[in-house]
Amino acid sequence: MPSEQRKFFRSNGSGCAFAATAAKDMAKYGWTQIKSDVDPVSIDKHIKSAIRSEEITTLSLLFPDVDQDQNLKELIENLEKCDSVYLENRFESNDNYGFQFRARVNELTSWVTGFGPFEYLPVTRQSPRTEITIRVKPRPLYAWNFKETPEGIIHLADLDMKGMSDKHLWNHWRVSFERTKRLLGHEPDQESAAKTTFVVPKKIIDRISD
């Protein structure tokens, strides 16, 4: 199962060229995939272990059993119960609810990015299996930034592209922007941006909650 999820990233299904490159040799870039139960204890255990690990810079937690709307709602509810994760913002957008989860990585705040086999997610988040991806180490110490990011914030695109020249780094950034826009059919908005974990139709959340 992790192999098909890696293929999604390798083929640039997420639109992120950095993730596409790193997915070809995940160990090199400190990116690890771990199957997890949905309960808060398991999620916290894996996140805290990854933060302590010297080898892991980015953690993907895979949830094999989250393949139905009800399961996704349960995952969202359990993320709210975690010690290492919290819901920073829940917003309403058109007919959807958006959930923006953050992970506590020592003194840093890491955006939690969600993927899954649900057609209502942005196309760049529609992966074979459900996962959340979390950067668990500080940003690489580049002498410049691709774009301004709030102080203390880290996320998936902060992968350390070990030995890649500035020219290739900027090319990856350009390709990422262009491919993401092409896949979405528009520039990333609140629903599809990296800072939003999951977007779920209101009718699904409200129906399951009844």
N, C-alpha and C. Protein backbone atom coordinates (compact mmCIF):
# COMPACT_ATOMS: atom_id res chain seq x y z
N MET A 1 0.81 -1.23 0.00
CA MET A 1 0.00 0.00 0.00
C MET A 1 0.84 1.27 0.00
N PRO A 2 1.91 1.37 0.80
CA PRO A 2 2.73 2.59 0.71
C PRO A 2 3.29 2.84 -0.68
N SER A 3 3.54 1.77 -1.47
CA SER A 3 4.13 1.94 -2.79
C SER A 3 3.19 2.71 -3.72
N GLU A 4 1.89 2.43 -3.67
CA GLU A 4 0.97 3.16 -4.53
C GLU A 4 0.83 4.61 -4.09
N GLN A 5 1.00 4.85 -2.79
CA GLN A 5 0.96 6.22 -2.30
C GLN A 5 2.21 6.96 -2.75
N ARG A 6 3.37 6.29 -2.71
CA ARG A 6 4.61 6.91 -3.20
C ARG A 6 4.50 7.23 -4.68
N LYS A 7 3.85 6.33 -5.43
CA LYS A 7 3.69 6.56 -6.87
C LYS A 7 2.89 7.83 -7.13
N PHE A 8 1.89 8.09 -6.30
CA PHE A 8 1.11 9.32 -6.43
C PHE A 8 2.01 10.54 -6.36
N PHE A 9 2.93 10.56 -5.38
CA PHE A 9 3.83 11.69 -5.24
C PHE A 9 4.90 11.70 -6.34
N ARG A 10 5.45 10.52 -6.67
CA ARG A 10 6.50 10.44 -7.70
C ARG A 10 6.01 10.97 -9.04
N SER A 11 4.75 10.71 -9.35
CA SER A 11 4.18 11.16 -10.62
C SER A 11 3.69 12.60 -10.55
N ASN A 12 4.00 13.27 -9.44
CA ASN A 12 3.64 14.68 -9.22
C ASN A 12 2.13 14.89 -9.17
N GLY A 13 1.43 13.92 -8.59
CA GLY A 13 -0.01 14.07 -8.43
C GLY A 13 -0.39 15.18 -7.49
N SER A 14 0.51 15.51 -6.56
CA SER A 14 0.23 16.58 -5.61
C SER A 14 0.56 17.96 -6.17
N GLY A 15 1.25 17.98 -7.31
CA GLY A 15 1.66 19.25 -7.90
C GLY A 15 2.97 19.78 -7.37
N CYS A 16 3.50 19.16 -6.31
CA CYS A 16 4.73 19.64 -5.67
C CYS A 16 5.94 18.91 -6.24
N ALA A 17 6.78 19.62 -7.00
CA ALA A 17 7.95 19.00 -7.62
C ALA A 17 8.96 18.54 -6.58
N PHE A 18 9.02 19.23 -5.44
CA PHE A 18 9.93 18.83 -4.36
C PHE A 18 9.52 17.45 -3.83
N ALA A 19 8.21 17.26 -3.60
CA ALA A 19 7.71 15.98 -3.12
C ALA A 19 7.91 14.90 -4.17
N ALA A 20 7.75 15.25 -5.45
CA ALA A 20 7.92 14.27 -6.53
C ALA A 20 9.36 13.76 -6.56
N THR A 21 10.32 14.66 -6.39
CA THR A 21 11.72 14.26 -6.37
C THR A 21 12.04 13.45 -5.13
N ALA A 22 11.60 13.90 -3.98
CA ALA A 22 11.89 13.21 -2.72
C ALA A 22 11.26 11.83 -2.67
N ALA A 23 10.09 11.65 -3.31
CA ALA A 23 9.39 10.37 -3.26
C ALA A 23 10.15 9.28 -4.03
N LYS A 24 11.10 9.67 -4.87
CA LYS A 24 11.89 8.69 -5.61
C LYS A 24 12.95 8.05 -4.73
N ASP A 25 13.30 8.71 -3.64
CA ASP A 25 14.29 8.18 -2.70
C ASP A 25 13.98 8.76 -1.33
N MET A 26 12.92 8.27 -0.72
CA MET A 26 12.41 8.88 0.51
C MET A 26 13.42 8.84 1.65
N ALA A 27 14.19 7.77 1.74
CA ALA A 27 15.17 7.66 2.83
C ALA A 27 16.22 8.76 2.72
N LYS A 28 16.64 9.08 1.51
CA LYS A 28 17.64 10.12 1.29
C LYS A 28 17.19 11.46 1.86
N TYR A 29 15.90 11.73 1.73
CA TYR A 29 15.38 13.03 2.14
C TYR A 29 14.72 12.99 3.53
N GLY A 30 14.85 11.88 4.22
CA GLY A 30 14.31 11.79 5.57
C GLY A 30 12.81 11.73 5.65
N TRP A 31 12.17 11.28 4.56
CA TRP A 31 10.72 11.21 4.51
C TRP A 31 10.30 9.76 4.76
N THR A 32 9.48 9.53 5.76
CA THR A 32 9.07 8.17 6.08
C THR A 32 7.55 8.05 6.10
N GLN A 33 7.07 6.87 5.66
CA GLN A 33 5.65 6.56 5.67
C GLN A 33 5.39 5.48 6.72
N ILE A 34 4.39 5.70 7.56
CA ILE A 34 4.06 4.74 8.62
C ILE A 34 2.55 4.52 8.63
N LYS A 35 2.15 3.26 8.65
CA LYS A 35 0.72 2.95 8.81
C LYS A 35 0.32 3.22 10.26
N SER A 36 -0.84 3.81 10.42
CA SER A 36 -1.28 4.16 11.77
C SER A 36 -2.75 3.83 11.97
N ASP A 37 -3.09 3.50 13.22
CA ASP A 37 -4.50 3.45 13.59
C ASP A 37 -5.01 4.88 13.68
N VAL A 38 -6.32 5.02 13.74
CA VAL A 38 -6.92 6.35 13.72
C VAL A 38 -6.99 6.97 15.11
N ASP A 39 -6.80 6.17 16.16
CA ASP A 39 -6.99 6.70 17.51
C ASP A 39 -5.90 7.70 17.88
N PRO A 40 -6.23 8.68 18.73
CA PRO A 40 -5.28 9.74 19.10
C PRO A 40 -3.98 9.23 19.72
N VAL A 41 -4.05 8.14 20.48
CA VAL A 41 -2.84 7.61 21.12
C VAL A 41 -1.83 7.18 20.07
N SER A 42 -2.29 6.46 19.06
CA SER A 42 -1.39 6.01 17.99
C SER A 42 -0.83 7.18 17.20
N ILE A 43 -1.67 8.14 16.86
CA ILE A 43 -1.22 9.30 16.09
C ILE A 43 -0.17 10.08 16.87
N ASP A 44 -0.44 10.34 18.14
CA ASP A 44 0.53 11.07 18.97
C ASP A 44 1.85 10.32 19.09
N LYS A 45 1.77 9.01 19.27
CA LYS A 45 2.99 8.20 19.43
C LYS A 45 3.88 8.35 18.20
N HIS A 46 3.30 8.23 17.00
CA HIS A 46 4.09 8.30 15.77
C HIS A 46 4.68 9.69 15.55
N ILE A 47 3.89 10.73 15.83
CA ILE A 47 4.38 12.09 15.61
C ILE A 47 5.51 12.43 16.58
N LYS A 48 5.32 12.10 17.84
CA LYS A 48 6.35 12.41 18.84
C LYS A 48 7.63 11.63 18.58
N SER A 49 7.49 10.39 18.14
CA SER A 49 8.66 9.58 17.81
C SER A 49 9.42 10.18 16.62
N ALA A 50 8.70 10.65 15.61
CA ALA A 50 9.33 11.25 14.44
C ALA A 50 10.05 12.54 14.79
N ILE A 51 9.48 13.32 15.69
CA ILE A 51 10.12 14.57 16.12
C ILE A 51 11.43 14.27 16.82
N ARG A 52 11.47 13.21 17.61
CA ARG A 52 12.69 12.84 18.33
C ARG A 52 13.75 12.22 17.41
N SER A 53 13.32 11.59 16.34
CA SER A 53 14.24 10.87 15.47
C SER A 53 15.18 11.82 14.73
N GLU A 54 16.46 11.46 14.67
CA GLU A 54 17.42 12.26 13.92
C GLU A 54 17.32 12.02 12.42
N GLU A 55 16.75 10.89 12.03
CA GLU A 55 16.68 10.54 10.61
C GLU A 55 15.44 11.08 9.90
N ILE A 56 14.36 11.29 10.64
CA ILE A 56 13.09 11.67 10.01
C ILE A 56 12.92 13.19 9.98
N THR A 57 12.69 13.72 8.80
CA THR A 57 12.40 15.15 8.65
C THR A 57 10.95 15.40 8.27
N THR A 58 10.35 14.40 7.59
CA THR A 58 8.96 14.53 7.15
C THR A 58 8.25 13.21 7.41
N LEU A 59 7.08 13.28 8.03
CA LEU A 59 6.33 12.09 8.40
C LEU A 59 5.01 12.02 7.64
N SER A 60 4.77 10.86 7.03
CA SER A 60 3.46 10.58 6.44
C SER A 60 2.80 9.48 7.25
N LEU A 61 1.66 9.78 7.83
CA LEU A 61 0.88 8.77 8.53
C LEU A 61 -0.22 8.28 7.60
N LEU A 62 -0.20 6.98 7.30
CA LEU A 62 -1.16 6.37 6.39
C LEU A 62 -2.25 5.68 7.19
N PHE A 63 -3.50 5.89 6.78
CA PHE A 63 -4.65 5.31 7.47
C PHE A 63 -5.40 4.40 6.49
N PRO A 64 -5.03 3.11 6.43
CA PRO A 64 -5.62 2.19 5.45
C PRO A 64 -7.13 2.05 5.56
N ASP A 65 -7.67 2.22 6.77
CA ASP A 65 -9.10 2.00 6.97
C ASP A 65 -9.96 3.24 6.70
N VAL A 66 -9.31 4.35 6.40
CA VAL A 66 -10.08 5.57 6.15
C VAL A 66 -10.36 5.66 4.65
N ASP A 67 -11.48 5.05 4.25
CA ASP A 67 -11.84 5.01 2.83
C ASP A 67 -13.30 5.36 2.59
N GLN A 68 -13.99 5.75 3.65
CA GLN A 68 -15.38 6.17 3.54
C GLN A 68 -15.56 7.51 4.25
N ASP A 69 -16.64 8.21 3.91
CA ASP A 69 -16.89 9.53 4.51
C ASP A 69 -16.90 9.45 6.04
N GLN A 70 -17.57 8.44 6.58
CA GLN A 70 -17.66 8.28 8.03
C GLN A 70 -16.27 8.13 8.64
N ASN A 71 -15.40 7.36 7.98
CA ASN A 71 -14.04 7.15 8.49
C ASN A 71 -13.25 8.45 8.50
N LEU A 72 -13.42 9.25 7.45
CA LEU A 72 -12.69 10.52 7.39
C LEU A 72 -13.17 11.46 8.49
N LYS A 73 -14.48 11.49 8.72
CA LYS A 73 -15.01 12.32 9.80
C LYS A 73 -14.43 11.87 11.15
N GLU A 74 -14.31 10.57 11.36
CA GLU A 74 -13.74 10.05 12.60
C GLU A 74 -12.27 10.44 12.74
N LEU A 75 -11.54 10.41 11.63
CA LEU A 75 -10.14 10.82 11.66
C LEU A 75 -10.04 12.29 12.07
N ILE A 76 -10.86 13.13 11.48
CA ILE A 76 -10.85 14.56 11.82
C ILE A 76 -11.16 14.76 13.30
N GLU A 77 -12.15 14.05 13.80
CA GLU A 77 -12.53 14.16 15.22
C GLU A 77 -11.39 13.70 16.12
N ASN A 78 -10.69 12.64 15.73
CA ASN A 78 -9.60 12.12 16.55
C ASN A 78 -8.38 13.02 16.50
N LEU A 79 -8.15 13.69 15.37
CA LEU A 79 -7.05 14.65 15.30
C LEU A 79 -7.26 15.78 16.32
N GLU A 80 -8.53 16.14 16.52
CA GLU A 80 -8.84 17.19 17.49
C GLU A 80 -8.55 16.75 18.93
N LYS A 81 -8.46 15.45 19.16
CA LYS A 81 -8.21 14.92 20.50
C LYS A 81 -6.74 14.67 20.78
N CYS A 82 -5.89 14.88 19.80
CA CYS A 82 -4.46 14.60 19.96
C CYS A 82 -3.76 15.66 20.81
N ASP A 83 -2.66 15.27 21.44
CA ASP A 83 -1.83 16.22 22.18
C ASP A 83 -0.88 16.97 21.24
N SER A 84 -0.41 16.28 20.21
CA SER A 84 0.61 16.86 19.33
C SER A 84 0.01 17.59 18.14
N VAL A 85 -1.30 17.53 17.99
CA VAL A 85 -1.99 18.18 16.88
C VAL A 85 -3.16 18.98 17.44
N TYR A 86 -3.43 20.12 16.82
CA TYR A 86 -4.60 20.89 17.24
C TYR A 86 -5.26 21.53 16.02
N LEU A 87 -6.54 21.83 16.14
CA LEU A 87 -7.28 22.48 15.06
C LEU A 87 -7.15 23.99 15.23
N GLU A 88 -6.40 24.61 14.33
CA GLU A 88 -6.20 26.05 14.41
C GLU A 88 -7.41 26.81 13.88
N ASN A 89 -8.03 26.25 12.84
CA ASN A 89 -9.14 26.99 12.23
C ASN A 89 -10.07 26.01 11.50
N ARG A 90 -11.35 26.27 11.62
CA ARG A 90 -12.37 25.57 10.83
C ARG A 90 -13.14 26.65 10.10
N PHE A 91 -13.20 26.55 8.78
CA PHE A 91 -13.86 27.60 8.01
C PHE A 91 -14.94 27.02 7.11
N GLU A 92 -15.83 27.89 6.68
CA GLU A 92 -16.85 27.51 5.71
C GLU A 92 -16.52 28.18 4.39
N SER A 93 -16.55 27.39 3.32
CA SER A 93 -16.24 27.90 1.99
C SER A 93 -17.20 27.26 1.00
N ASN A 94 -18.03 28.07 0.38
CA ASN A 94 -19.05 27.55 -0.53
C ASN A 94 -19.88 26.50 0.20
N ASP A 95 -19.84 25.26 -0.26
CA ASP A 95 -20.65 24.20 0.35
C ASP A 95 -19.81 23.29 1.25
N ASN A 96 -18.61 23.75 1.60
CA ASN A 96 -17.68 22.88 2.33
C ASN A 96 -17.30 23.43 3.70
N TYR A 97 -16.82 22.51 4.53
CA TYR A 97 -16.11 22.87 5.75
C TYR A 97 -14.63 22.60 5.51
N GLY A 98 -13.79 23.52 5.92
CA GLY A 98 -12.36 23.34 5.82
C GLY A 98 -11.76 23.20 7.21
N PHE A 99 -10.79 22.29 7.34
CA PHE A 99 -10.14 22.03 8.63
C PHE A 99 -8.64 22.27 8.49
N GLN A 100 -8.11 23.16 9.30
CA GLN A 100 -6.69 23.50 9.26
C GLN A 100 -6.03 23.03 10.55
N PHE A 101 -5.42 21.85 10.49
CA PHE A 101 -4.74 21.28 11.65
C PHE A 101 -3.27 21.67 11.64
N ARG A 102 -2.72 21.79 12.86
CA ARG A 102 -1.30 22.10 13.03
C ARG A 102 -0.69 21.09 14.00
N ALA A 103 0.58 20.77 13.76
CA ALA A 103 1.31 19.90 14.68
C ALA A 103 2.30 20.74 15.47
N ARG A 104 2.46 20.40 16.73
CA ARG A 104 3.44 21.08 17.59
C ARG A 104 4.79 20.38 17.43
N VAL A 105 5.74 21.04 16.81
CA VAL A 105 7.07 20.46 16.60
C VAL A 105 8.05 21.31 17.40
N ASN A 106 8.21 20.94 18.66
CA ASN A 106 9.01 21.74 19.59
C ASN A 106 8.50 23.18 19.58
N GLU A 107 9.33 24.16 19.22
CA GLU A 107 8.88 25.55 19.23
C GLU A 107 8.23 25.96 17.91
N LEU A 108 8.17 25.04 16.94
CA LEU A 108 7.65 25.34 15.61
C LEU A 108 6.22 24.86 15.43
N THR A 109 5.54 25.44 14.46
CA THR A 109 4.19 25.03 14.09
C THR A 109 4.23 24.45 12.69
N SER A 110 3.79 23.21 12.55
CA SER A 110 3.85 22.53 11.25
C SER A 110 2.45 22.35 10.68
N TRP A 111 2.28 22.82 9.44
CA TRP A 111 0.99 22.63 8.77
C TRP A 111 0.80 21.14 8.49
N VAL A 112 -0.37 20.62 8.79
CA VAL A 112 -0.70 19.22 8.53
C VAL A 112 -1.47 19.15 7.21
N THR A 113 -0.88 18.47 6.23
CA THR A 113 -1.49 18.38 4.90
C THR A 113 -2.12 17.02 4.72
N GLY A 114 -3.39 16.99 4.31
CA GLY A 114 -4.12 15.74 4.18
C GLY A 114 -4.35 15.33 2.73
N PHE A 115 -4.37 14.02 2.51
CA PHE A 115 -4.63 13.43 1.20
C PHE A 115 -5.59 12.26 1.39
N GLY A 116 -6.27 11.86 0.32
CA GLY A 116 -7.15 10.71 0.46
C GLY A 116 -7.94 10.41 -0.81
N PRO A 117 -8.60 9.25 -0.84
CA PRO A 117 -9.34 8.82 -2.04
C PRO A 117 -10.77 9.35 -2.06
N PHE A 118 -10.90 10.66 -1.96
CA PHE A 118 -12.22 11.29 -1.91
C PHE A 118 -12.32 12.33 -3.02
N GLU A 119 -13.33 12.20 -3.85
CA GLU A 119 -13.44 13.06 -5.03
C GLU A 119 -13.73 14.51 -4.68
N TYR A 120 -14.18 14.79 -3.46
CA TYR A 120 -14.46 16.17 -3.08
C TYR A 120 -13.22 16.91 -2.57
N LEU A 121 -12.11 16.21 -2.38
CA LEU A 121 -10.87 16.90 -2.05
C LEU A 121 -10.33 17.58 -3.31
N PRO A 122 -9.54 18.65 -3.16
CA PRO A 122 -8.88 19.23 -4.33
C PRO A 122 -8.11 18.14 -5.07
N VAL A 123 -8.04 18.22 -6.38
CA VAL A 123 -7.44 17.15 -7.18
C VAL A 123 -6.00 16.87 -6.75
N THR A 124 -5.30 17.88 -6.25
CA THR A 124 -3.92 17.68 -5.81
C THR A 124 -3.82 16.94 -4.48
N ARG A 125 -4.97 16.63 -3.87
CA ARG A 125 -5.01 15.88 -2.61
C ARG A 125 -5.66 14.51 -2.78
N GLN A 126 -6.05 14.18 -4.00
CA GLN A 126 -6.76 12.93 -4.24
C GLN A 126 -5.76 11.81 -4.50
N SER A 127 -5.35 11.16 -3.42
CA SER A 127 -4.36 10.08 -3.48
C SER A 127 -5.04 8.73 -3.29
N PRO A 128 -4.34 7.63 -3.58
CA PRO A 128 -4.94 6.30 -3.45
C PRO A 128 -5.40 5.98 -2.03
N ARG A 129 -4.65 6.46 -1.03
CA ARG A 129 -4.98 6.18 0.36
C ARG A 129 -5.00 7.48 1.16
N THR A 130 -5.62 7.41 2.32
CA THR A 130 -5.68 8.59 3.19
C THR A 130 -4.39 8.71 3.97
N GLU A 131 -3.85 9.91 4.01
CA GLU A 131 -2.65 10.16 4.82
C GLU A 131 -2.62 11.61 5.26
N ILE A 132 -1.90 11.85 6.33
CA ILE A 132 -1.53 13.22 6.70
C ILE A 132 -0.01 13.30 6.66
N THR A 133 0.48 14.41 6.14
CA THR A 133 1.93 14.60 6.00
C THR A 133 2.35 15.80 6.84
N ILE A 134 3.43 15.60 7.61
CA ILE A 134 3.85 16.61 8.58
C ILE A 134 5.36 16.79 8.52
N ARG A 135 5.81 18.00 8.35
CA ARG A 135 7.24 18.32 8.47
C ARG A 135 7.57 18.33 9.96
N VAL A 136 8.60 17.57 10.36
CA VAL A 136 8.90 17.45 11.79
C VAL A 136 10.29 17.97 12.16
N LYS A 137 10.90 18.72 11.25
CA LYS A 137 12.19 19.35 11.52
C LYS A 137 12.17 20.78 10.97
N PRO A 138 13.07 21.65 11.45
CA PRO A 138 13.09 23.04 10.96
C PRO A 138 13.34 23.11 9.46
N ARG A 139 13.04 24.25 8.88
CA ARG A 139 13.28 24.49 7.46
C ARG A 139 14.77 24.38 7.16
N PRO A 140 15.11 23.99 5.93
CA PRO A 140 16.52 24.01 5.51
C PRO A 140 17.08 25.43 5.61
N LEU A 141 18.34 25.53 5.90
CA LEU A 141 18.96 26.84 6.08
C LEU A 141 19.44 27.42 4.75
N TYR A 142 18.48 27.69 3.85
CA TYR A 142 18.83 28.38 2.62
C TYR A 142 19.09 29.85 2.93
N ALA A 143 19.87 30.49 2.09
CA ALA A 143 20.19 31.91 2.30
C ALA A 143 19.05 32.81 1.81
N TRP A 144 18.00 32.20 1.30
CA TRP A 144 16.87 32.96 0.75
C TRP A 144 15.61 32.11 0.89
N ASN A 145 14.46 32.71 0.65
CA ASN A 145 13.19 32.00 0.69
C ASN A 145 12.51 32.09 -0.66
N PHE A 146 11.77 31.02 -1.05
CA PHE A 146 11.00 31.08 -2.28
C PHE A 146 9.89 32.13 -2.15
N LYS A 147 9.28 32.19 -0.99
CA LYS A 147 8.27 33.19 -0.69
C LYS A 147 8.26 33.39 0.81
N GLU A 148 7.75 34.51 1.24
CA GLU A 148 7.72 34.80 2.66
C GLU A 148 6.74 33.85 3.38
N THR A 149 7.22 33.26 4.45
CA THR A 149 6.41 32.37 5.28
C THR A 149 6.39 32.92 6.69
N PRO A 150 5.24 32.86 7.37
CA PRO A 150 5.19 33.37 8.75
C PRO A 150 6.28 32.74 9.62
N GLU A 151 6.83 33.51 10.52
CA GLU A 151 7.89 33.04 11.41
C GLU A 151 7.42 31.81 12.20
N GLY A 152 8.27 30.78 12.24
CA GLY A 152 7.97 29.60 13.03
C GLY A 152 7.08 28.58 12.36
N ILE A 153 6.74 28.80 11.07
CA ILE A 153 5.87 27.89 10.34
C ILE A 153 6.71 26.98 9.44
N ILE A 154 6.41 25.67 9.46
CA ILE A 154 7.04 24.73 8.55
C ILE A 154 5.96 23.89 7.87
N HIS A 155 6.29 23.33 6.69
CA HIS A 155 5.31 22.51 5.98
C HIS A 155 6.01 21.61 4.97
N LEU A 156 5.23 20.82 4.23
CA LEU A 156 5.76 19.78 3.35
C LEU A 156 6.79 20.30 2.35
N ALA A 157 6.60 21.49 1.81
CA ALA A 157 7.51 22.00 0.80
C ALA A 157 8.87 22.40 1.36
N ASP A 158 9.05 22.28 2.68
CA ASP A 158 10.33 22.62 3.30
C ASP A 158 11.32 21.45 3.28
N LEU A 159 11.13 20.51 2.38
CA LEU A 159 12.07 19.41 2.24
C LEU A 159 13.47 19.94 1.91
N ASP A 160 14.48 19.34 2.51
CA ASP A 160 15.87 19.70 2.22
C ASP A 160 16.30 18.92 0.99
N MET A 161 16.44 19.59 -0.15
CA MET A 161 16.75 18.92 -1.41
C MET A 161 18.26 18.71 -1.58
N LYS A 162 18.87 18.14 -0.61
CA LYS A 162 20.27 17.80 -0.47
C LYS A 162 21.12 17.90 -1.76
N GLY A 163 21.96 18.92 -1.80
CA GLY A 163 22.91 19.05 -2.90
C GLY A 163 22.34 19.65 -4.17
N MET A 164 21.05 19.97 -4.21
CA MET A 164 20.46 20.53 -5.42
C MET A 164 20.89 21.98 -5.58
N SER A 165 21.29 22.36 -6.78
CA SER A 165 21.75 23.72 -7.04
C SER A 165 20.62 24.73 -6.91
N ASP A 166 20.97 25.99 -6.70
CA ASP A 166 19.96 27.04 -6.62
C ASP A 166 19.12 27.07 -7.88
N LYS A 167 19.76 26.88 -9.03
CA LYS A 167 19.05 26.90 -10.31
C LYS A 167 17.96 25.83 -10.34
N HIS A 168 18.31 24.62 -9.91
CA HIS A 168 17.33 23.54 -9.93
C HIS A 168 16.26 23.73 -8.84
N LEU A 169 16.64 24.31 -7.72
CA LEU A 169 15.66 24.59 -6.68
C LEU A 169 14.60 25.55 -7.20
N TRP A 170 15.04 26.62 -7.84
CA TRP A 170 14.09 27.59 -8.37
C TRP A 170 13.26 27.00 -9.50
N ASN A 171 13.86 26.08 -10.27
CA ASN A 171 13.10 25.42 -11.32
C ASN A 171 12.01 24.53 -10.71
N HIS A 172 12.34 23.83 -9.63
CA HIS A 172 11.34 23.02 -8.93
C HIS A 172 10.20 23.90 -8.43
N TRP A 173 10.54 25.07 -7.91
CA TRP A 173 9.52 25.98 -7.41
C TRP A 173 8.60 26.44 -8.54
N ARG A 174 9.19 26.79 -9.67
CA ARG A 174 8.39 27.25 -10.82
C ARG A 174 7.50 26.12 -11.33
N VAL A 175 8.07 24.93 -11.48
CA VAL A 175 7.30 23.78 -11.97
C VAL A 175 6.15 23.46 -11.01
N SER A 176 6.42 23.54 -9.71
CA SER A 176 5.38 23.27 -8.71
C SER A 176 4.21 24.22 -8.86
N PHE A 177 4.52 25.50 -9.00
CA PHE A 177 3.47 26.51 -9.13
C PHE A 177 2.66 26.27 -10.40
N GLU A 178 3.35 26.03 -11.52
CA GLU A 178 2.66 25.87 -12.79
C GLU A 178 1.82 24.59 -12.83
N ARG A 179 2.39 23.49 -12.32
CA ARG A 179 1.64 22.22 -12.37
C ARG A 179 0.44 22.25 -11.41
N THR A 180 0.62 22.82 -10.24
CA THR A 180 -0.50 22.90 -9.29
C THR A 180 -1.64 23.71 -9.89
N LYS A 181 -1.29 24.82 -10.51
CA LYS A 181 -2.32 25.66 -11.13
C LYS A 181 -3.02 24.91 -12.26
N ARG A 182 -2.24 24.16 -13.03
CA ARG A 182 -2.81 23.40 -14.15
C ARG A 182 -3.74 22.29 -13.65
N LEU A 183 -3.32 21.58 -12.62
CA LEU A 183 -4.14 20.49 -12.09
C LEU A 183 -5.45 21.02 -11.49
N LEU A 184 -5.35 22.12 -10.75
CA LEU A 184 -6.53 22.68 -10.09
C LEU A 184 -7.45 23.42 -11.07
N GLY A 185 -6.84 23.97 -12.13
CA GLY A 185 -7.59 24.81 -13.05
C GLY A 185 -7.64 26.25 -12.59
N HIS A 186 -6.92 26.57 -11.53
CA HIS A 186 -6.85 27.92 -10.99
C HIS A 186 -5.69 27.96 -9.99
N GLU A 187 -5.32 29.15 -9.55
CA GLU A 187 -4.29 29.25 -8.53
C GLU A 187 -4.82 28.69 -7.21
N PRO A 188 -3.94 28.14 -6.37
CA PRO A 188 -4.40 27.59 -5.09
C PRO A 188 -5.21 28.61 -4.31
N ASP A 189 -6.33 28.17 -3.75
CA ASP A 189 -7.17 29.03 -2.93
C ASP A 189 -7.19 28.48 -1.51
N GLN A 190 -8.08 28.99 -0.69
CA GLN A 190 -8.12 28.57 0.72
C GLN A 190 -8.36 27.07 0.86
N GLU A 191 -9.19 26.50 -0.02
CA GLU A 191 -9.51 25.09 0.09
C GLU A 191 -8.35 24.19 -0.33
N SER A 192 -7.56 24.63 -1.29
CA SER A 192 -6.52 23.77 -1.85
C SER A 192 -5.12 24.10 -1.37
N ALA A 193 -4.96 25.20 -0.64
CA ALA A 193 -3.63 25.59 -0.16
C ALA A 193 -3.10 24.60 0.86
N ALA A 194 -1.76 24.57 1.00
CA ALA A 194 -1.11 23.61 1.89
C ALA A 194 -1.54 23.78 3.34
N LYS A 195 -1.96 24.97 3.72
CA LYS A 195 -2.31 25.22 5.12
C LYS A 195 -3.66 24.62 5.50
N THR A 196 -4.43 24.11 4.54
CA THR A 196 -5.70 23.47 4.83
C THR A 196 -5.51 21.96 4.76
N THR A 197 -5.90 21.26 5.82
CA THR A 197 -5.68 19.83 5.92
C THR A 197 -6.70 19.05 5.10
N PHE A 198 -7.96 19.23 5.42
CA PHE A 198 -9.03 18.54 4.69
C PHE A 198 -10.17 19.51 4.40
N VAL A 199 -10.84 19.29 3.28
CA VAL A 199 -12.06 20.01 2.92
C VAL A 199 -13.13 18.96 2.67
N VAL A 200 -14.26 19.08 3.38
CA VAL A 200 -15.33 18.09 3.30
C VAL A 200 -16.66 18.80 3.08
N PRO A 201 -17.50 18.33 2.17
CA PRO A 201 -18.81 18.96 1.96
C PRO A 201 -19.63 19.04 3.26
N LYS A 202 -20.27 20.17 3.46
CA LYS A 202 -21.09 20.35 4.66
C LYS A 202 -22.16 19.27 4.78
N LYS A 203 -22.75 18.88 3.64
CA LYS A 203 -23.85 17.90 3.70
C LYS A 203 -23.36 16.56 4.24
N ILE A 204 -22.09 16.23 3.99
CA ILE A 204 -21.55 14.97 4.51
C ILE A 204 -21.33 15.06 6.01
N ILE A 205 -20.67 16.13 6.45
CA ILE A 205 -20.41 16.30 7.89
C ILE A 205 -21.71 16.40 8.66
N ASP A 206 -22.65 17.20 8.16
CA ASP A 206 -23.91 17.41 8.86
C ASP A 206 -24.75 16.13 8.87
N ARG A 207 -24.74 15.39 7.76
CA ARG A 207 -25.53 14.15 7.70
C ARG A 207 -24.98 13.12 8.67
N ILE A 208 -23.67 12.96 8.71
CA ILE A 208 -23.06 11.97 9.59
C ILE A 208 -23.25 12.36 11.05
N SER A 209 -23.31 13.69 11.31
CA SER A 209 -23.45 14.18 12.68
C SER A 209 -24.85 14.03 13.23
N ASP A 210 -25.84 13.85 12.34
CA ASP A 210 -27.23 13.74 12.80
C ASP A 210 -27.47 12.49 13.64
